[in-house]
C-alpha atoms as a PDB file:
ATOM      1  CA  MET A   1     122.545 125.614  86.202  1.00  0.00           C
ATOM      2  CA  HIS A   2     123.833 125.122  82.677  1.00  0.00           C
ATOM      3  CA  ILE A   3     125.900 121.916  82.505  1.00  0.00           C
ATOM      4  CA  SER A   4     128.261 121.488  79.568  1.00  0.00           C
ATOM      5  CA  PHE A   5     131.898 121.068  78.531  1.00  0.00           C
ATOM      6  CA  PRO A   6     134.317 122.874  76.161  1.00  0.00           C
ATOM      7  CA  ARG A   7     133.689 120.725  73.071  1.00  0.00           C
ATOM      8  CA  HIS A   8     129.964 121.446  73.165  1.00  0.00           C
ATOM      9  CA  LEU A   9     130.445 125.136  73.882  1.00  0.00           C
ATOM     10  CA  SER A  10     132.614 125.383  70.763  1.00  0.00           C
ATOM     11  CA  TYR A  11     129.457 124.722  68.689  1.00  0.00           C
ATOM     12  CA  GLU A  12     127.818 127.990  67.672  1.00  0.00           C
ATOM     13  CA  THR A  13     124.234 126.874  68.304  1.00  0.00           C
ATOM     14  CA  LEU A  14     124.990 125.542  71.798  1.00  0.00           C
ATOM     15  CA  ALA A  15     127.086 128.595  72.675  1.00  0.00           C
ATOM     16  CA  ARG A  16     124.249 130.862  71.544  1.00  0.00           C
ATOM     17  CA  LYS A  17     121.708 128.902  73.563  1.00  0.00           C
ATOM     18  CA  ARG A  18     123.949 129.242  76.600  1.00  0.00           C
ATOM     19  CA  ALA A  19     124.295 133.004  76.066  1.00  0.00           C
ATOM     20  CA  ILE A  20     120.513 133.362  75.753  1.00  0.00           C
ATOM     21  CA  MET A  21     119.968 131.412  78.974  1.00  0.00           C
ATOM     22  CA  GLU A  22     122.541 133.531  80.801  1.00  0.00           C
ATOM     23  CA  GLN A  23     121.021 136.810  79.597  1.00  0.00           C
ATOM     24  CA  THR A  24     117.473 135.641  80.333  1.00  0.00           C
ATOM     25  CA  ALA A  25     118.459 134.666  83.873  1.00  0.00           C
ATOM     26  CA  LYS A  26     119.954 138.137  84.313  1.00  0.00           C
ATOM     27  CA  ASP A  27     116.813 139.789  82.916  1.00  0.00           C
ATOM     28  CA  LEU A  28     114.658 137.786  85.355  1.00  0.00           C
ATOM     29  CA  GLY A  29     116.917 138.524  88.322  1.00  0.00           C
ATOM     30  CA  MET A  30     117.978 134.885  88.638  1.00  0.00           C
ATOM     31  CA  GLU A  31     121.445 133.573  89.386  1.00  0.00           C
ATOM     32  CA  TYR A  32     123.054 131.876  86.389  1.00  0.00           C
ATOM     33  CA  ILE A  33     125.461 129.040  87.175  1.00  0.00           C
ATOM     34  CA  GLU A  34     127.803 127.537  84.590  1.00  0.00           C
ATOM     35  CA  MET A  35     128.968 124.043  85.516  1.00  0.00           C
ATOM     36  CA  SER A  36     131.531 121.978  83.657  1.00  0.00           C
ATOM     37  CA  ALA A  37     131.020 118.214  83.445  1.00  0.00           C
ATOM     38  CA  PRO A  38     133.181 115.491  81.889  1.00  0.00           C
ATOM     39  CA  ASP A  39     132.778 115.140  78.138  1.00  0.00           C
ATOM     40  CA  PRO A  40     131.286 111.697  77.324  1.00  0.00           C
ATOM     41  CA  LEU A  41     133.800 111.473  74.457  1.00  0.00           C
ATOM     42  CA  SER A  42     136.740 111.930  76.829  1.00  0.00           C
ATOM     43  CA  ASP A  43     138.674 109.145  78.556  1.00  0.00           C
ATOM     44  CA  VAL A  44     135.946 108.685  81.187  1.00  0.00           C
ATOM     45  CA  GLY A  45     133.393 107.936  78.472  1.00  0.00           C
ATOM     46  CA  VAL A  46     129.625 107.971  78.892  1.00  0.00           C
ATOM     47  CA  PRO A  47     129.718 105.936  82.155  1.00  0.00           C
ATOM     48  CA  GLY A  48     132.142 108.372  83.791  1.00  0.00           C
ATOM     49  CA  SER A  49     130.161 111.373  82.617  1.00  0.00           C
ATOM     50  CA  GLN A  50     126.934 109.883  83.955  1.00  0.00           C
ATOM     51  CA  GLN A  51     128.570 108.944  87.257  1.00  0.00           C
ATOM     52  CA  PHE A  52     129.717 112.552  87.678  1.00  0.00           C
ATOM     53  CA  ILE A  53     126.109 113.739  87.331  1.00  0.00           C
ATOM     54  CA  LEU A  54     124.831 111.067  89.747  1.00  0.00           C
ATOM     55  CA  GLU A  55     127.395 112.116  92.350  1.00  0.00           C
ATOM     56  CA  GLN A  56     127.243 115.887  91.942  1.00  0.00           C
ATOM     57  CA  VAL A  57     123.525 116.655  91.587  1.00  0.00           C
ATOM     58  CA  PRO A  58     122.789 115.953  95.294  1.00  0.00           C
ATOM     59  CA  ASN A  59     125.702 118.249  96.245  1.00  0.00           C
ATOM     60  CA  TRP A  60     124.469 121.015  93.937  1.00  0.00           C
ATOM     61  CA  ILE A  61     120.936 120.769  95.297  1.00  0.00           C
ATOM     62  CA  LYS A  62     122.280 120.888  98.854  1.00  0.00           C
ATOM     63  CA  LYS A  63     124.320 123.998  97.994  1.00  0.00           C
ATOM     64  CA  TYR A  64     121.788 125.909  95.884  1.00  0.00           C
ATOM     65  CA  GLY A  65     118.440 124.589  97.138  1.00  0.00           C
ATOM     66  CA  LYS A  66     115.601 122.624  95.604  1.00  0.00           C
ATOM     67  CA  ASP A  67     114.512 125.445  93.287  1.00  0.00           C
ATOM     68  CA  ILE A  68     117.653 125.211  91.180  1.00  0.00           C
ATOM     69  CA  ALA A  69     116.824 124.489  87.535  1.00  0.00           C
ATOM     70  CA  PHE A  70     119.122 122.185  85.570  1.00  0.00           C
ATOM     71  CA  PHE A  71     119.894 122.000  81.850  1.00  0.00           C
ATOM     72  CA  ALA A  72     122.600 119.805  80.312  1.00  0.00           C
ATOM     73  CA  THR A  73     123.812 120.110  76.717  1.00  0.00           C
ATOM     74  CA  ASN A  74     124.554 116.390  76.449  1.00  0.00           C
ATOM     75  CA  ASP A  75     121.673 113.910  76.338  1.00  0.00           C
ATOM     76  CA  ALA A  76     123.783 111.098  77.797  1.00  0.00           C
ATOM     77  CA  GLN A  77     123.603 113.060  81.065  1.00  0.00           C
ATOM     78  CA  THR A  78     119.802 113.400  80.949  1.00  0.00           C
ATOM     79  CA  GLU A  79     118.851 110.113  82.587  1.00  0.00           C
ATOM     80  CA  PRO A  80     121.093 110.480  85.669  1.00  0.00           C
ATOM     81  CA  LEU A  81     120.070 114.126  85.949  1.00  0.00           C
ATOM     82  CA  ILE A  82     116.342 113.265  86.008  1.00  0.00           C
ATOM     83  CA  LYS A  83     116.966 110.375  88.386  1.00  0.00           C
ATOM     84  CA  GLN A  84     118.708 112.561  90.952  1.00  0.00           C
ATOM     85  CA  ILE A  85     116.267 115.449  90.589  1.00  0.00           C
ATOM     86  CA  ALA A  86     113.436 113.017  91.296  1.00  0.00           C
ATOM     87  CA  ALA A  87     115.299 111.759  94.371  1.00  0.00           C
ATOM     88  CA  TYR A  88     116.638 115.038  95.800  1.00  0.00           C
ATOM     89  CA  GLY A  89     114.603 117.887  94.317  1.00  0.00           C
ATOM     90  CA  GLY A  90     115.453 120.536  91.762  1.00  0.00           C
ATOM     91  CA  ILE A  91     113.871 121.442  88.453  1.00  0.00           C
ATOM     92  CA  PHE A  92     114.553 119.718  85.143  1.00  0.00           C
ATOM     93  CA  VAL A  93     114.032 122.221  82.308  1.00  0.00           C
ATOM     94  CA  GLU A  94     114.103 119.750  79.410  1.00  0.00           C
ATOM     95  CA  ALA A  95     116.587 117.659  77.459  1.00  0.00           C
ATOM     96  CA  GLU A  96     118.831 119.172  74.795  1.00  0.00           C
ATOM     97  CA  LEU A  97     116.870 117.125  72.224  1.00  0.00           C
ATOM     98  CA  PRO A  98     113.535 117.057  74.060  1.00  0.00           C
ATOM     99  CA  SER A  99     111.321 113.983  74.033  1.00  0.00           C
ATOM    100  CA  PRO A 100     109.152 112.118  76.535  1.00  0.00           C
ATOM    101  CA  THR A 101     111.439 109.135  75.898  1.00  0.00           C
ATOM    102  CA  MET A 102     114.674 111.053  76.549  1.00  0.00           C
ATOM    103  CA  GLY A 103     115.897 110.093  80.013  1.00  0.00           C
ATOM    104  CA  TYR A 104     112.522 109.590  81.656  1.00  0.00           C
ATOM    105  CA  PRO A 105     112.016 105.852  80.990  1.00  0.00           C
ATOM    106  CA  GLY A 106     115.390 104.836  82.453  1.00  0.00           C
ATOM    107  CA  ALA A 107     115.337 107.362  85.288  1.00  0.00           C
ATOM    108  CA  LEU A 108     111.788 106.634  86.436  1.00  0.00           C
ATOM    109  CA  GLY A 109     111.412 102.998  85.368  1.00  0.00           C
ATOM    110  CA  VAL A 110     108.830 103.671  82.660  1.00  0.00           C
ATOM    111  CA  GLU A 111     108.174 100.752  80.330  1.00  0.00           C
ATOM    112  CA  PHE A 112     106.044 100.847  77.196  1.00  0.00           C
ATOM    113  CA  THR A 113     103.846  98.139  75.737  1.00  0.00           C
ATOM    114  CA  ASP A 114     103.981  97.379  72.019  1.00  0.00           C
ATOM    115  CA  ASP A 115     100.761  99.326  71.386  1.00  0.00           C
ATOM    116  CA  GLU A 116     102.227 102.379  73.157  1.00  0.00           C
ATOM    117  CA  LYS A 117     105.459 102.492  71.159  1.00  0.00           C
ATOM    118  CA  GLY A 118     105.286 105.323  68.627  1.00  0.00           C
ATOM    119  CA  ASN A 119     102.013 106.581  70.124  1.00  0.00           C
ATOM    120  CA  TRP A 120     103.254 109.893  71.510  1.00  0.00           C
ATOM    121  CA  PRO A 121     100.083 110.941  73.372  1.00  0.00           C
ATOM    122  CA  LYS A 122     100.088 107.579  75.230  1.00  0.00           C
ATOM    123  CA  ILE A 123     103.843 107.808  75.841  1.00  0.00           C
ATOM    124  CA  LEU A 124     103.508 111.335  77.224  1.00  0.00           C
ATOM    125  CA  GLU A 125     100.602 110.330  79.451  1.00  0.00           C
ATOM    126  CA  LYS A 126     102.571 107.427  80.922  1.00  0.00           C
ATOM    127  CA  VAL A 127     105.681 109.547  81.475  1.00  0.00           C
ATOM    128  CA  GLU A 128     103.609 112.314  83.059  1.00  0.00           C
ATOM    129  CA  LYS A 129     102.034 109.866  85.514  1.00  0.00           C
ATOM    130  CA  SER A 130     105.507 108.608  86.441  1.00  0.00           C
ATOM    131  CA  VAL A 131     106.769 112.160  86.965  1.00  0.00           C
ATOM    132  CA  ILE A 132     103.803 112.952  89.231  1.00  0.00           C
ATOM    133  CA  ALA A 133     104.340 109.710  91.173  1.00  0.00           C
ATOM    134  CA  ALA A 134     107.993 110.708  91.663  1.00  0.00           C
ATOM    135  CA  GLY A 135     106.944 114.095  93.089  1.00  0.00           C
ATOM    136  CA  GLY A 136     108.045 116.061  90.040  1.00  0.00           C
ATOM    137  CA  SER A 137     104.719 117.627  89.036  1.00  0.00           C
ATOM    138  CA  GLY A 138     105.354 121.101  87.645  1.00  0.00           C
ATOM    139  CA  ARG A 139     109.111 120.625  88.023  1.00  0.00           C
ATOM    140  CA  MET A 140     110.098 118.448  85.055  1.00  0.00           C
ATOM    141  CA  GLY A 141     109.719 119.413  81.427  1.00  0.00           C
ATOM    142  CA  THR A 142     109.683 117.821  78.010  1.00  0.00           C
ATOM    143  CA  TRP A 143     107.928 118.184  74.677  1.00  0.00           C
ATOM    144  CA  THR A 144     104.711 116.407  73.732  1.00  0.00           C
ATOM    145  CA  TYR A 145     106.516 114.647  70.882  1.00  0.00           C
ATOM    146  CA  SER A 146     110.097 113.619  70.276  1.00  0.00           C
ATOM    147  CA  TYR A 147     112.031 116.471  68.679  1.00  0.00           C
ATOM    148  CA  SER A 148     114.089 114.017  66.610  1.00  0.00           C
ATOM    149  CA  PHE A 149     111.111 111.850  65.595  1.00  0.00           C
ATOM    150  CA  ALA A 150     109.040 114.868  64.576  1.00  0.00           C
ATOM    151  CA  GLY A 151     112.011 116.356  62.710  1.00  0.00           C
ATOM    152  CA  VAL A 152     112.474 113.247  60.575  1.00  0.00           C
ATOM    153  CA  ILE A 153     108.750 112.953  59.782  1.00  0.00           C
ATOM    154  CA  GLY A 154     108.330 116.679  59.175  1.00  0.00           C
ATOM    155  CA  LEU A 155     111.397 117.054  56.934  1.00  0.00           C
ATOM    156  CA  THR A 156     110.368 113.951  54.979  1.00  0.00           C
ATOM    157  CA  ASP A 157     106.928 115.502  54.430  1.00  0.00           C
ATOM    158  CA  LEU A 158     108.566 118.727  53.231  1.00  0.00           C
ATOM    159  CA  ALA A 159     110.871 116.798  50.863  1.00  0.00           C
ATOM    160  CA  ILE A 160     107.996 114.788  49.365  1.00  0.00           C
ATOM    161  CA  LYS A 161     105.957 117.959  48.789  1.00  0.00           C
ATOM    162  CA  SER A 162     108.984 119.617  47.192  1.00  0.00           C
ATOM    163  CA  ILE A 163     109.658 116.676  44.857  1.00  0.00           C
ATOM    164  CA  GLU A 164     106.017 116.319  43.843  1.00  0.00           C
ATOM    165  CA  SER A 165     105.443 120.039  43.237  1.00  0.00           C
ATOM    166  CA  GLY A 166     108.893 121.051  42.047  1.00  0.00           C
ATOM    167  CA  ASP A 167     108.838 123.834  44.646  1.00  0.00           C
ATOM    168  CA  ARG A 168     112.329 124.578  45.959  1.00  0.00           C
ATOM    169  CA  ASP A 169     111.362 127.682  47.919  1.00  0.00           C
ATOM    170  CA  PHE A 170     111.821 126.373  51.462  1.00  0.00           C
ATOM    171  CA  THR A 171     110.244 129.032  53.670  1.00  0.00           C
ATOM    172  CA  LEU A 172     109.941 128.864  57.429  1.00  0.00           C
ATOM    173  CA  ASP A 173     106.147 128.710  57.129  1.00  0.00           C
ATOM    174  CA  LYS A 174     106.355 125.631  54.898  1.00  0.00           C
ATOM    175  CA  LEU A 175     108.771 123.956  57.283  1.00  0.00           C
ATOM    176  CA  LEU A 176     106.542 124.654  60.286  1.00  0.00           C
ATOM    177  CA  ALA A 177     103.480 123.360  58.402  1.00  0.00           C
ATOM    178  CA  SER A 178     105.289 120.099  57.628  1.00  0.00           C
ATOM    179  CA  LEU A 179     106.380 119.761  61.262  1.00  0.00           C
ATOM    180  CA  ASP A 180     102.755 120.305  62.309  1.00  0.00           C
ATOM    181  CA  THR A 181     101.727 117.254  60.253  1.00  0.00           C
ATOM    182  CA  ALA A 182     104.133 115.137  62.323  1.00  0.00           C
ATOM    183  CA  THR A 183     102.708 116.253  65.676  1.00  0.00           C
ATOM    184  CA  PRO A 184      98.890 116.151  65.672  1.00  0.00           C
ATOM    185  CA  GLY A 185      97.466 118.362  68.413  1.00  0.00           C
ATOM    186  CA  SER A 186     100.672 120.380  68.757  1.00  0.00           C
ATOM    187  CA  LYS A 187     101.676 123.548  66.943  1.00  0.00           C
ATOM    188  CA  TRP A 188     105.218 124.562  65.965  1.00  0.00           C
ATOM    189  CA  ASN A 189     106.683 128.043  65.938  1.00  0.00           C
ATOM    190  CA  GLY A 190     110.137 129.428  65.398  1.00  0.00           C
ATOM    191  CA  SER A 191     112.302 132.004  63.710  1.00  0.00           C
ATOM    192  CA  LEU A 192     115.355 131.975  61.492  1.00  0.00           C
ATOM    193  CA  MET A 193     118.690 132.004  63.282  1.00  0.00           C
ATOM    194  CA  LYS A 194     120.899 135.045  62.888  1.00  0.00           C
ATOM    195  CA  ASP A 195     124.669 134.773  62.655  1.00  0.00           C
ATOM    196  CA  ASN A 196     127.108 136.890  64.687  1.00  0.00           C
ATOM    197  CA  LYS A 197     126.625 139.774  62.246  1.00  0.00           C
ATOM    198  CA  GLY A 198     122.823 139.718  62.576  1.00  0.00           C
ATOM    199  CA  VAL A 199     122.258 138.143  59.155  1.00  0.00           C
ATOM    200  CA  GLU A 200     119.506 135.503  58.972  1.00  0.00           C
ATOM    201  CA  VAL A 201     120.804 132.019  58.224  1.00  0.00           C
ATOM    202  CA  SER A 202     118.432 130.171  55.931  1.00  0.00           C
END
């Protein structure tokens, strides 16, 4: 189930991601379900949007079964989504901006000590133990590092290297190498996005 709302689906990257998910589900012989949820920027705000998720996830699991996989395009809906999946079943693919600290701490009651903050291997280990304790082993996903945290560190590394060397040729390989420096023990991969005409956007 892909959970979103019109404002988000007007963004090219989110619309493309949705189209890829829909086509992949078709290729794998899986049912694809598009579900509209309240926009957190609408009159109901974040609380109303989160309440919708809290109320509807049990109904969706009852209707579609515990092997339904959920993905929401808005991270404000991540915590209630994880909370209800832990309580009722289902599969949590990952957050829109994946991170072990996105949704999991609030949903599963994970608290971090001062020495754990910023230590992503320790954070991941603690979150993983909480997921297992909640019965979500093999059914809840995230990244080993915070996407946003790694992006800031990696892009800063790339900028410093560019300034110091005078190199303005920003290739994908250089970007991935800088992201690798921000996530010890993890390896990045990717490709350049193509626009609607098939031209690479760089």
